[in-house]
Protein backbone atom coordinates (compact mmCIF):
# COMPACT_ATOMS: atom_id res chain seq x y z
CA MET A 1 -10.10 18.61 -13.95
CA SER A 2 -9.21 21.67 -11.97
CA ARG A 3 -6.02 23.52 -11.18
CA GLN A 4 -6.71 22.75 -7.52
CA ALA A 5 -6.51 19.01 -8.16
CA PHE A 6 -3.10 19.42 -9.81
CA LEU A 7 -1.81 21.52 -6.89
CA VAL A 8 -3.08 19.03 -4.30
CA THR A 9 -1.51 16.10 -6.17
CA THR A 10 1.81 17.92 -6.53
CA ALA A 11 1.81 18.96 -2.87
CA ARG A 12 1.05 15.46 -1.60
CA THR A 13 3.70 13.98 -3.86
CA VAL A 14 6.46 16.34 -2.70
CA LEU A 15 5.54 16.49 0.98
CA GLY A 16 4.61 12.81 1.18
CA THR A 17 7.87 11.72 -0.41
CA VAL A 18 10.07 13.87 1.83
CA THR A 19 8.35 12.98 5.10
CA ALA A 20 8.07 9.27 4.29
CA LEU A 21 11.71 9.00 3.24
CA LEU A 22 12.94 10.74 6.40
CA ALA A 23 10.73 8.66 8.69
CA ASN A 24 11.61 5.36 7.03
CA ALA A 25 15.33 6.19 7.01
CA PHE A 26 15.35 7.12 10.70
CA LEU A 27 13.50 3.95 11.70
CA ALA A 28 15.71 1.81 9.49
CA TYR A 29 18.82 3.32 11.08
CA ILE A 30 17.53 2.53 14.57
CA LEU A 31 16.66 -1.06 13.63
CA SER A 32 20.00 -1.58 11.91
CA ARG A 33 22.01 -0.84 15.06
CA LYS A 34 23.36 -4.08 16.47
CA LYS A 35 23.27 -2.77 20.06
CA PHE A 36 19.62 -1.71 19.88
CA LEU A 37 17.79 -3.73 22.55
CA PHE A 38 14.43 -4.18 20.76
CA LYS A 39 15.85 -4.78 17.29
CA SER A 40 14.47 -8.30 16.77
CA GLY A 41 11.06 -7.61 18.30
CA LEU A 42 10.42 -4.46 16.27
CA SER A 43 11.63 -6.13 13.07
CA LEU A 44 9.11 -8.94 13.59
CA PHE A 45 6.43 -6.34 14.33
CA TRP A 46 7.09 -4.55 11.02
CA ILE A 47 6.96 -7.85 9.14
CA PHE A 48 3.65 -8.71 10.81
CA THR A 49 2.09 -5.41 9.70
CA MET A 50 2.95 -6.24 6.08
CA TYR A 51 0.56 -9.22 6.12
CA ALA A 52 -2.11 -8.11 8.62
CA ALA A 53 -4.57 -5.34 7.76
CA ALA A 54 -7.64 -4.14 9.61
CA GLY A 55 -9.73 -3.53 6.49
CA TYR A 56 -11.41 -0.46 5.06
CA ILE A 57 -14.24 -0.06 7.60
CA PRO A 58 -12.05 0.00 10.75
CA THR A 59 -9.61 2.25 8.90
CA MET A 60 -12.40 4.64 7.98
CA VAL A 61 -13.66 4.74 11.57
CA LEU A 62 -10.15 5.34 12.89
CA PHE A 63 -9.47 8.16 10.42
CA MET A 64 -12.79 9.79 11.25
CA ARG A 65 -11.99 9.77 14.97
CA LEU A 66 -8.55 11.18 14.26
CA HIS A 67 -10.22 13.91 12.11
CA LEU A 68 -8.19 12.90 9.07
CA THR A 69 -11.13 12.55 6.70
CA ASN A 70 -11.99 15.56 4.54
CA SER A 71 -8.49 16.91 5.04
CA PHE A 72 -5.22 17.07 3.16
CA TRP A 73 -3.31 15.21 5.89
CA VAL A 74 -5.07 11.93 5.16
CA TYR A 75 -2.74 11.71 2.16
CA ILE A 76 0.41 12.26 4.25
CA ILE A 77 0.15 10.89 7.80
CA PRO A 78 -1.08 7.29 7.15
CA GLY A 79 1.64 6.69 4.57
CA ILE A 80 4.61 8.14 6.44
CA VAL A 81 5.90 4.74 7.57
CA SER A 82 6.01 1.68 5.34
CA ALA A 83 7.22 -1.62 6.77
CA PHE A 84 8.55 -2.72 3.39
CA HIS A 85 10.55 0.47 2.86
CA VAL A 86 11.93 0.35 6.41
CA LEU A 87 13.12 -3.23 5.96
CA VAL A 88 14.70 -2.49 2.57
CA ILE A 89 16.66 0.47 3.92
CA LYS A 90 17.54 -1.45 7.09
CA THR A 91 18.98 -4.33 5.07
CA TYR A 92 21.08 -1.89 3.04
CA MET A 93 22.38 -0.16 6.17
CA GLU A 94 23.36 -3.46 7.78
CA ASN A 95 25.87 -4.00 4.94
CA ILE A 96 27.78 -0.82 5.84
CA PRO A 97 31.09 -1.73 7.56
CA ASP A 98 31.07 -1.25 11.34
CA SER A 99 34.49 0.36 11.14
CA LEU A 100 32.98 3.54 9.66
CA GLU A 101 30.64 3.98 12.63
CA GLU A 102 33.39 3.13 15.11
CA SER A 103 35.71 5.71 13.57
CA ALA A 104 33.03 8.37 13.80
CA GLN A 105 32.34 7.49 17.43
CA LEU A 106 36.04 7.79 18.26
CA GLU A 107 35.91 11.33 16.89
CA GLY A 108 33.01 12.11 19.21
CA ALA A 109 30.13 11.85 16.75
CA GLY A 110 26.70 10.94 18.12
CA HIS A 111 24.07 8.84 16.40
CA LEU A 112 22.47 11.82 14.67
CA LYS A 113 25.82 12.93 13.26
CA ILE A 114 26.62 9.37 12.18
CA PHE A 115 23.24 9.07 10.46
CA TRP A 116 23.58 12.30 8.49
CA SER A 117 27.30 12.34 7.74
CA VAL A 118 28.30 8.65 7.54
CA VAL A 119 25.32 6.42 6.84
CA SER A 120 23.11 8.62 4.65
CA PRO A 121 25.75 9.46 1.99
CA ILE A 122 26.40 5.73 1.52
CA CYS A 123 22.66 5.03 1.36
CA LYS A 124 21.94 7.47 -1.48
CA PRO A 125 21.17 4.65 -3.98
CA VAL A 126 18.57 3.01 -1.74
CA TYR A 127 17.19 6.41 -0.73
CA ALA A 128 16.76 7.28 -4.41
CA ALA A 129 14.95 4.02 -5.14
CA ILE A 130 12.59 4.36 -2.17
CA ALA A 131 11.90 8.05 -2.90
CA PHE A 132 11.13 7.15 -6.52
CA PHE A 133 8.62 4.46 -5.50
CA ILE A 134 6.95 6.74 -2.93
CA ALA A 135 6.64 9.65 -5.35
CA VAL A 136 5.09 7.52 -8.10
CA SER A 137 2.69 5.96 -5.59
CA HIS A 138 1.52 9.37 -4.36
CA TRP A 139 1.14 10.75 -7.86
CA ASN A 140 -0.92 7.81 -9.14
CA SER A 141 -3.07 7.35 -6.04
CA TRP A 142 -6.79 8.06 -6.34
CA PHE A 143 -8.49 5.52 -4.08
CA ASP A 144 -7.70 7.39 -0.84
CA ALA A 145 -9.29 10.52 -2.31
CA PHE A 146 -12.34 8.45 -3.21
CA LEU A 147 -12.62 6.96 0.30
CA PHE A 148 -11.73 9.85 2.56
CA ASN A 149 -12.11 13.12 0.61
CA ARG A 150 -14.93 12.41 -1.79
CA MET A 151 -17.08 15.12 -0.18
CA ALA A 152 -14.23 17.65 0.05
CA GLN A 153 -13.74 18.95 -3.47
CA LYS A 154 -10.88 21.25 -2.49
CA TYR A 155 -8.80 18.18 -1.56
CA THR A 156 -9.49 16.22 -4.71
CA THR A 157 -6.55 14.81 -6.65
CA LEU A 158 -5.68 14.78 -10.31
CA GLN A 159 -5.94 11.01 -10.68
CA PHE A 160 -9.32 10.96 -8.91
CA GLU A 161 -10.68 13.57 -11.31
CA ILE A 162 -9.38 11.57 -14.27
CA MET A 163 -10.98 8.43 -12.85
CA LYS A 164 -14.36 10.19 -12.59
CA TYR A 165 -14.20 11.38 -16.19
CA LEU A 166 -13.21 7.97 -17.47
CA THR A 167 -15.88 6.23 -15.40
CA THR A 168 -18.56 8.51 -16.83
CA PHE A 169 -17.27 7.95 -20.36
CA PHE A 170 -17.15 4.14 -20.19
CA ALA A 171 -20.45 3.93 -18.30
CA ALA A 172 -22.12 5.92 -21.06
CA GLN A 173 -20.56 3.62 -23.65
CA THR A 174 -22.08 0.57 -21.99
CA GLY A 175 -25.42 2.25 -21.24
CA THR A 176 -25.19 1.79 -17.46
CA ILE A 177 -25.92 5.42 -16.54
CA SER A 178 -28.94 7.69 -16.86
CA THR A 179 -30.14 9.37 -20.06
CA ASN A 180 -29.06 12.82 -18.85
CA ALA A 181 -25.53 11.56 -18.27
CA VAL A 182 -25.48 10.02 -21.75
CA VAL A 183 -26.52 13.35 -23.27
CA ILE A 184 -23.75 15.11 -21.35
CA GLU A 185 -21.27 12.46 -22.44
CA GLU A 186 -22.30 12.84 -26.10
CA VAL A 187 -21.71 16.60 -25.91
CA HIS A 188 -18.27 16.20 -24.36
CA ARG A 189 -17.29 12.99 -26.20
CA PRO A 190 -14.30 14.53 -28.07
CA ALA A 191 -12.92 16.03 -24.85
CA VAL A 192 -13.34 12.79 -22.92
CA GLN A 193 -11.81 10.72 -25.71
CA ALA A 194 -8.80 13.03 -25.71
CA LEU A 195 -8.59 12.60 -21.95
CA ILE A 196 -7.77 8.88 -22.21
CA PRO A 197 -4.29 9.30 -23.75
CA ALA A 198 -3.76 12.37 -21.56
CA ALA A 199 -4.45 10.22 -18.49
CA CYS A 200 -1.81 7.72 -19.63
CA VAL A 201 0.74 10.50 -20.07
CA LEU A 202 -0.05 11.97 -16.64
CA THR A 203 0.35 8.56 -15.05
CA MET A 204 3.84 8.19 -16.56
CA LEU A 205 4.84 11.82 -15.97
CA PRO A 206 6.63 11.32 -12.60
CA VAL A 207 8.62 8.40 -14.03
CA ILE A 208 9.64 10.44 -17.08
CA ILE A 209 10.65 13.46 -14.99
CA LEU A 210 12.27 11.78 -11.99
CA TYR A 211 14.13 8.85 -13.54
CA PRO A 212 16.95 10.90 -15.17
CA PHE A 213 17.73 12.48 -11.77
CA PHE A 214 17.78 9.13 -9.95
CA GLN A 215 19.47 7.10 -12.68
CA LYS A 216 23.02 7.81 -11.51
CA HIS A 217 22.14 6.65 -7.99
CA PHE A 218 20.70 3.38 -9.33
CA ILE A 219 23.87 2.78 -11.35
CA ASN A 220 26.13 3.60 -8.39
CA GLY A 221 24.13 1.21 -6.23
CA LEU A 222 24.64 -1.59 -8.73
CA ARG A 223 28.37 -0.85 -8.86
CA ILE A 224 28.69 -0.85 -5.07
CA ARG A 225 26.78 -4.14 -4.84
CA GLY A 226 28.93 -5.68 -7.56
CA VAL A 227 32.15 -4.74 -5.75
CA LYS A 228 30.90 -6.14 -2.44
CA ASP A 229 29.81 -9.38 -4.04
C-alpha cells in the first residue's frame, strides 16, 4: 500500500463529492421547476437510466474512446450525475413553498440567485445526506480501479491495494496460487494478517470522520419533515 494510493483515494473522494453534489443539485433544481417545459420527459429519462445499463464491455469501449482509461478522471466524470441522487434532491426541492421563490423573483432575483440564496440553504439536510453517500462510495470503491486503471499504478486506490493484498492472502490459504506466491505470503503472513482489521477500519473511516459534521443536518431534516407532516 503506497502513499500514492492514499492520495489518489483522498483526491477522488473530495473532488468527486463536490462535483457530483453540485451537478446533481443543479439538475434537481431545474427538474423541480414547475414551469420547466421538459420536466416530465427528463424525469422519466432519469428513471429509465436507473434500470437500464449497457454492461461492462460497452462501458469499457466507450471509456477507451473517450480516453478515460488509465487516468484519474475515470473516477470523477462517469459518476458526476446519479439519477437516484437527482430524484431525491428534486423531491425535496418540490416541497419548498412556492411563495419563497415568488418573493425572490419580485425582488429581481434570477434562477441562479434563487438556487444559491433561497433553495440551497433549505436543502442543507438533503445535501448533507447525498454528500455523505457519495463520499463513502468514492472512498470504498475499488472495482473501477480494477477495470480501468489496473495498468496505471500511479492511479491506484487504497481500497484496490487492500483488495490485492487480501486476495493474495486468502488465495495462499486455500492453495489456489503458485508456490512462489505461497512462499511470499508465508514471509509476510503477520503483516497481511494485521492488514485485515486495518482494512475494516479504513472502510469505516469516512463514516467515523464525516458523520459528526453531518449529524446536525440529519436532525434538522427530521425536524423540518416532522413539522411539515
